[in-house]
């Protein structure tokens, strides 16, 4: 018997779909800013093996060298990014949704089993409720990364006014490195997340849009009447 059950609340879906374009704009505008001083390289024995990012990368994405434009977009949308994140964290705390998101003691062990199942190495996936162990770890990590981006971003944006944040981040240059690494982490998460969505199929994707999913439940057994009830 098929029934319709609520899977994702309106608040969760709102924060999810609002965050996607905001974070995309933040990454794009951050690239415009970074191109103004793209100093990070990977060197080995004094030889530059790789530079973030090579010239062909900027040419392929047609990223213009508009530093002022990038800063304007970045510093505007960072407030929307922060507000959306604060609302989401408050919702998970007040609604009790955090219990479904925070990793448990055995989540890291189960996450490895989830990975083996996704790679078709292990036939059976570990039992799960709303989110599996890997999702718990990933979604919690994204929240922590978001906090890190806001803190390091403010340390870079106003290093004099927020000197205490800059000091906590290890200085201006180290705060910029952390901010840059977190951005790479978002891109990596995007790629993994999209692949997981494709593998999960349309049913799982549609539930994030509508908030509901169709589930198959075993039919309830018919009520057996006693002889007295039948006689009456």
Protein backbone atom coordinates (compact mmCIF):
# COMPACT_ATOMS: atom_id res chain seq x y z
CA UNK A 1 0.00 0.00 0.00
CA UNK A 2 1.40 3.37 -1.04
CA UNK A 3 1.21 6.32 1.35
CA UNK A 4 2.46 9.90 1.21
CA UNK A 5 4.69 11.02 4.07
CA UNK A 6 6.40 14.30 4.83
CA UNK A 7 10.18 14.01 4.50
CA UNK A 8 11.56 17.56 4.43
CA UNK A 9 10.04 20.58 6.14
CA UNK A 10 9.37 23.86 4.35
CA UNK A 11 12.06 25.64 6.40
CA UNK A 12 14.69 23.07 5.45
CA UNK A 13 13.77 23.21 1.77
CA UNK A 14 13.73 27.01 1.77
CA UNK A 15 17.20 27.26 3.32
CA UNK A 16 18.53 24.55 0.98
CA UNK A 17 17.34 26.12 -2.26
CA UNK A 18 18.16 29.69 -1.21
CA UNK A 19 21.66 28.70 -0.16
CA UNK A 20 22.54 27.11 -3.51
CA UNK A 21 22.42 30.27 -5.71
CA UNK A 22 23.87 32.43 -2.91
CA UNK A 23 26.86 30.14 -2.46
CA UNK A 24 27.33 29.96 -6.23
CA UNK A 25 27.51 33.76 -6.42
CA UNK A 26 29.89 33.82 -3.45
CA UNK A 27 32.26 31.37 -5.14
CA UNK A 28 32.09 33.21 -8.47
CA UNK A 29 32.70 36.63 -6.92
CA UNK A 30 35.43 35.14 -4.75
CA UNK A 31 37.20 33.98 -7.89
CA UNK A 32 37.09 37.54 -9.23
CA UNK A 33 38.72 38.75 -6.03
CA UNK A 34 41.28 35.96 -5.96
CA UNK A 35 42.37 36.61 -9.54
CA UNK A 36 43.50 40.04 -8.39
CA UNK A 37 46.19 38.30 -6.32
CA UNK A 38 46.37 34.59 -7.19
CA UNK A 39 49.47 33.76 -5.18
CA UNK A 40 48.78 30.20 -4.01
CA UNK A 41 50.94 27.53 -5.61
CA UNK A 42 51.93 23.93 -4.98
CA UNK A 43 55.72 23.71 -5.05
CA UNK A 44 58.09 20.77 -4.78
CA UNK A 45 61.84 21.24 -4.26
CA UNK A 46 61.56 24.89 -5.20
CA UNK A 47 59.70 24.13 -8.46
CA UNK A 48 56.10 25.23 -8.95
CA UNK A 49 54.13 22.11 -9.86
CA UNK A 50 50.68 23.68 -9.88
CA UNK A 51 49.29 27.18 -9.46
CA UNK A 52 45.79 27.99 -8.22
CA UNK A 53 44.63 28.61 -10.84
CA UNK A 54 46.38 28.24 -14.23
CA UNK A 55 45.70 30.77 -16.97
CA UNK A 56 43.69 28.24 -18.97
CA UNK A 57 41.24 27.97 -16.05
CA UNK A 58 40.41 31.67 -16.17
CA UNK A 59 40.24 31.59 -19.96
CA UNK A 60 37.92 28.57 -20.00
CA UNK A 61 35.47 30.13 -17.53
CA UNK A 62 35.92 33.58 -19.13
CA UNK A 63 36.47 35.13 -15.71
CA UNK A 64 37.10 38.87 -16.19
CA UNK A 65 39.64 40.69 -14.07
CA UNK A 66 37.00 42.80 -12.33
CA UNK A 67 38.26 43.07 -8.76
CA UNK A 68 35.84 45.84 -7.71
CA UNK A 69 32.85 43.98 -9.15
CA UNK A 70 33.85 40.79 -7.35
CA UNK A 71 34.25 42.59 -4.03
CA UNK A 72 30.88 44.33 -4.42
CA UNK A 73 29.02 41.07 -5.04
CA UNK A 74 30.97 39.16 -2.41
CA UNK A 75 30.47 41.67 0.39
CA UNK A 76 26.76 42.04 -0.43
CA UNK A 77 25.79 38.38 -0.67
CA UNK A 78 27.87 37.38 2.35
CA UNK A 79 25.12 38.91 4.52
CA UNK A 80 22.43 36.80 2.80
CA UNK A 81 24.67 33.74 3.18
CA UNK A 82 25.13 34.47 6.90
CA UNK A 83 21.45 35.20 7.53
CA UNK A 84 20.32 32.05 5.75
CA UNK A 85 22.81 29.98 7.72
CA UNK A 86 21.75 31.49 11.06
CA UNK A 87 18.08 30.81 10.30
CA UNK A 88 18.84 27.22 9.34
CA UNK A 89 20.87 26.54 12.50
CA UNK A 90 18.17 28.11 14.68
CA UNK A 91 15.51 26.00 12.97
CA UNK A 92 17.41 22.75 13.50
CA UNK A 93 17.91 23.59 17.19
CA UNK A 94 14.35 24.74 17.95
CA UNK A 95 12.65 21.99 15.95
CA UNK A 96 14.91 19.22 17.24
CA UNK A 97 16.01 18.43 13.69
CA UNK A 98 19.62 18.49 14.88
CA UNK A 99 19.11 14.98 16.29
CA UNK A 100 18.77 13.72 12.71
CA UNK A 101 21.83 15.65 11.50
CA UNK A 102 24.51 15.40 14.17
CA UNK A 103 26.78 12.34 13.71
CA UNK A 104 26.50 9.59 16.30
CA UNK A 105 29.29 7.64 17.95
CA UNK A 106 29.34 4.98 15.24
CA UNK A 107 28.61 7.31 12.31
CA UNK A 108 32.18 7.34 10.99
CA UNK A 109 32.28 3.54 10.93
CA UNK A 110 28.89 3.35 9.21
CA UNK A 111 29.90 6.07 6.73
CA UNK A 112 32.63 3.75 5.44
CA UNK A 113 30.00 1.04 4.93
CA UNK A 114 27.79 3.54 3.09
CA UNK A 115 30.71 4.37 0.79
CA UNK A 116 31.33 0.68 0.07
CA UNK A 117 27.64 0.27 -0.73
CA UNK A 118 27.64 3.27 -3.08
CA UNK A 119 30.66 1.80 -4.86
CA UNK A 120 28.75 -1.51 -5.22
CA UNK A 121 31.40 -3.31 -3.17
CA UNK A 122 29.03 -4.07 -0.31
CA UNK A 123 25.56 -5.35 -1.13
CA UNK A 124 23.65 -4.18 1.94
CA UNK A 125 23.64 -0.59 3.18
CA UNK A 126 23.73 0.02 6.93
CA UNK A 127 20.33 0.84 8.49
CA UNK A 128 19.38 4.50 8.49
CA UNK A 129 16.57 6.81 9.45
CA UNK A 130 16.12 10.14 7.69
CA UNK A 131 19.82 10.52 6.86
CA UNK A 132 22.55 7.91 6.66
CA UNK A 133 25.86 8.19 8.50
CA UNK A 134 27.70 9.74 5.55
CA UNK A 135 25.00 12.40 5.14
CA UNK A 136 25.11 13.22 8.85
CA UNK A 137 28.86 13.83 8.67
CA UNK A 138 28.68 15.79 5.40
CA UNK A 139 25.79 18.07 6.43
CA UNK A 140 27.29 18.78 9.84
CA UNK A 141 30.65 19.52 8.20
CA UNK A 142 28.97 22.01 5.85
CA UNK A 143 27.52 23.91 8.81
CA UNK A 144 30.95 24.06 10.46
CA UNK A 145 32.51 25.15 7.16
CA UNK A 146 29.89 27.89 6.85
CA UNK A 147 30.78 29.23 10.28
CA UNK A 148 34.46 29.09 9.33
CA UNK A 149 33.80 30.99 6.11
CA UNK A 150 31.94 33.77 7.94
CA UNK A 151 34.64 34.12 10.62
CA UNK A 152 37.58 34.09 8.19
CA UNK A 153 35.66 36.28 5.75
CA UNK A 154 35.11 38.97 8.38
CA UNK A 155 38.77 38.68 9.40
CA UNK A 156 39.76 39.41 5.79
CA UNK A 157 37.02 41.97 5.12
CA UNK A 158 37.74 44.18 8.15
CA UNK A 159 41.08 43.08 9.65
CA UNK A 160 41.33 46.28 11.73
CA UNK A 161 37.76 46.44 13.03
CA UNK A 162 37.65 42.67 13.63
CA UNK A 163 41.25 42.38 14.74
CA UNK A 164 40.32 39.79 17.37
CA UNK A 165 38.91 37.50 14.67
CA UNK A 166 42.00 38.04 12.54
CA UNK A 167 44.15 37.12 15.54
CA UNK A 168 42.07 33.98 16.24
CA UNK A 169 42.51 32.95 12.59
CA UNK A 170 46.30 33.22 12.87
CA UNK A 171 46.62 36.54 11.07
CA UNK A 172 45.37 38.02 7.81
CA UNK A 173 47.31 35.76 5.44
CA UNK A 174 46.44 32.55 7.28
CA UNK A 175 42.78 33.58 7.44
CA UNK A 176 42.85 34.06 3.66
CA UNK A 177 44.35 30.59 3.20
CA UNK A 178 41.64 29.01 5.37
CA UNK A 179 38.97 30.94 3.47
CA UNK A 180 40.38 29.70 0.19
CA UNK A 181 40.54 26.06 1.37
CA UNK A 182 36.94 26.22 2.58
CA UNK A 183 35.89 27.46 -0.87
CA UNK A 184 37.57 24.45 -2.48
CA UNK A 185 35.71 22.31 0.06
CA UNK A 186 32.36 23.73 -1.11
CA UNK A 187 33.17 22.93 -4.72
CA UNK A 188 34.18 19.40 -3.76
CA UNK A 189 30.96 19.00 -1.76
CA UNK A 190 28.91 20.28 -4.71
CA UNK A 191 30.37 17.66 -7.04
CA UNK A 192 29.85 14.79 -4.57
CA UNK A 193 26.37 16.02 -3.68
CA UNK A 194 25.22 16.24 -7.30
CA UNK A 195 26.58 12.76 -8.05
CA UNK A 196 24.76 11.38 -5.01
CA UNK A 197 21.52 13.06 -6.11
CA UNK A 198 21.81 11.51 -9.57
CA UNK A 199 22.48 8.07 -8.07
CA UNK A 200 19.57 8.41 -5.63
CA UNK A 201 17.15 9.05 -8.47
CA UNK A 202 14.20 11.32 -9.16
CA UNK A 203 12.17 10.14 -6.16
CA UNK A 204 14.70 11.44 -3.68
CA UNK A 205 15.21 14.69 -5.62
CA UNK A 206 11.49 15.42 -5.89
CA UNK A 207 11.09 15.06 -2.13
CA UNK A 208 13.47 17.99 -1.62
CA UNK A 209 11.20 20.07 -3.88
CA UNK A 210 7.77 19.00 -2.64
CA UNK A 211 8.74 17.94 0.88
CA UNK A 212 6.88 14.64 0.56
CA UNK A 213 7.65 11.16 -0.68
CA UNK A 214 5.62 8.12 -1.64
CA UNK A 215 6.49 5.05 0.42
CA UNK A 216 5.32 1.46 0.21
CA UNK A 217 3.91 0.15 3.46
CA UNK A 218 2.67 -3.37 4.12
CA UNK A 219 -1.08 -3.66 4.10
CA UNK A 220 -2.72 -3.93 7.50
CA UNK A 221 -4.26 -7.33 8.26
CA UNK A 222 -8.03 -7.52 8.19
CA UNK A 223 -9.77 -7.40 11.60
CA UNK A 224 -10.97 -10.82 12.70
CA UNK A 225 -14.42 -10.69 14.27
CA UNK A 226 -15.34 -13.04 17.09
CA UNK A 227 -18.27 -15.46 16.88
CA UNK A 228 -20.29 -13.28 19.26
CA UNK A 229 -19.75 -10.19 17.14
CA UNK A 230 -20.71 -12.12 14.04
CA UNK A 231 -23.82 -13.47 15.72
CA UNK A 232 -24.92 -10.01 16.80
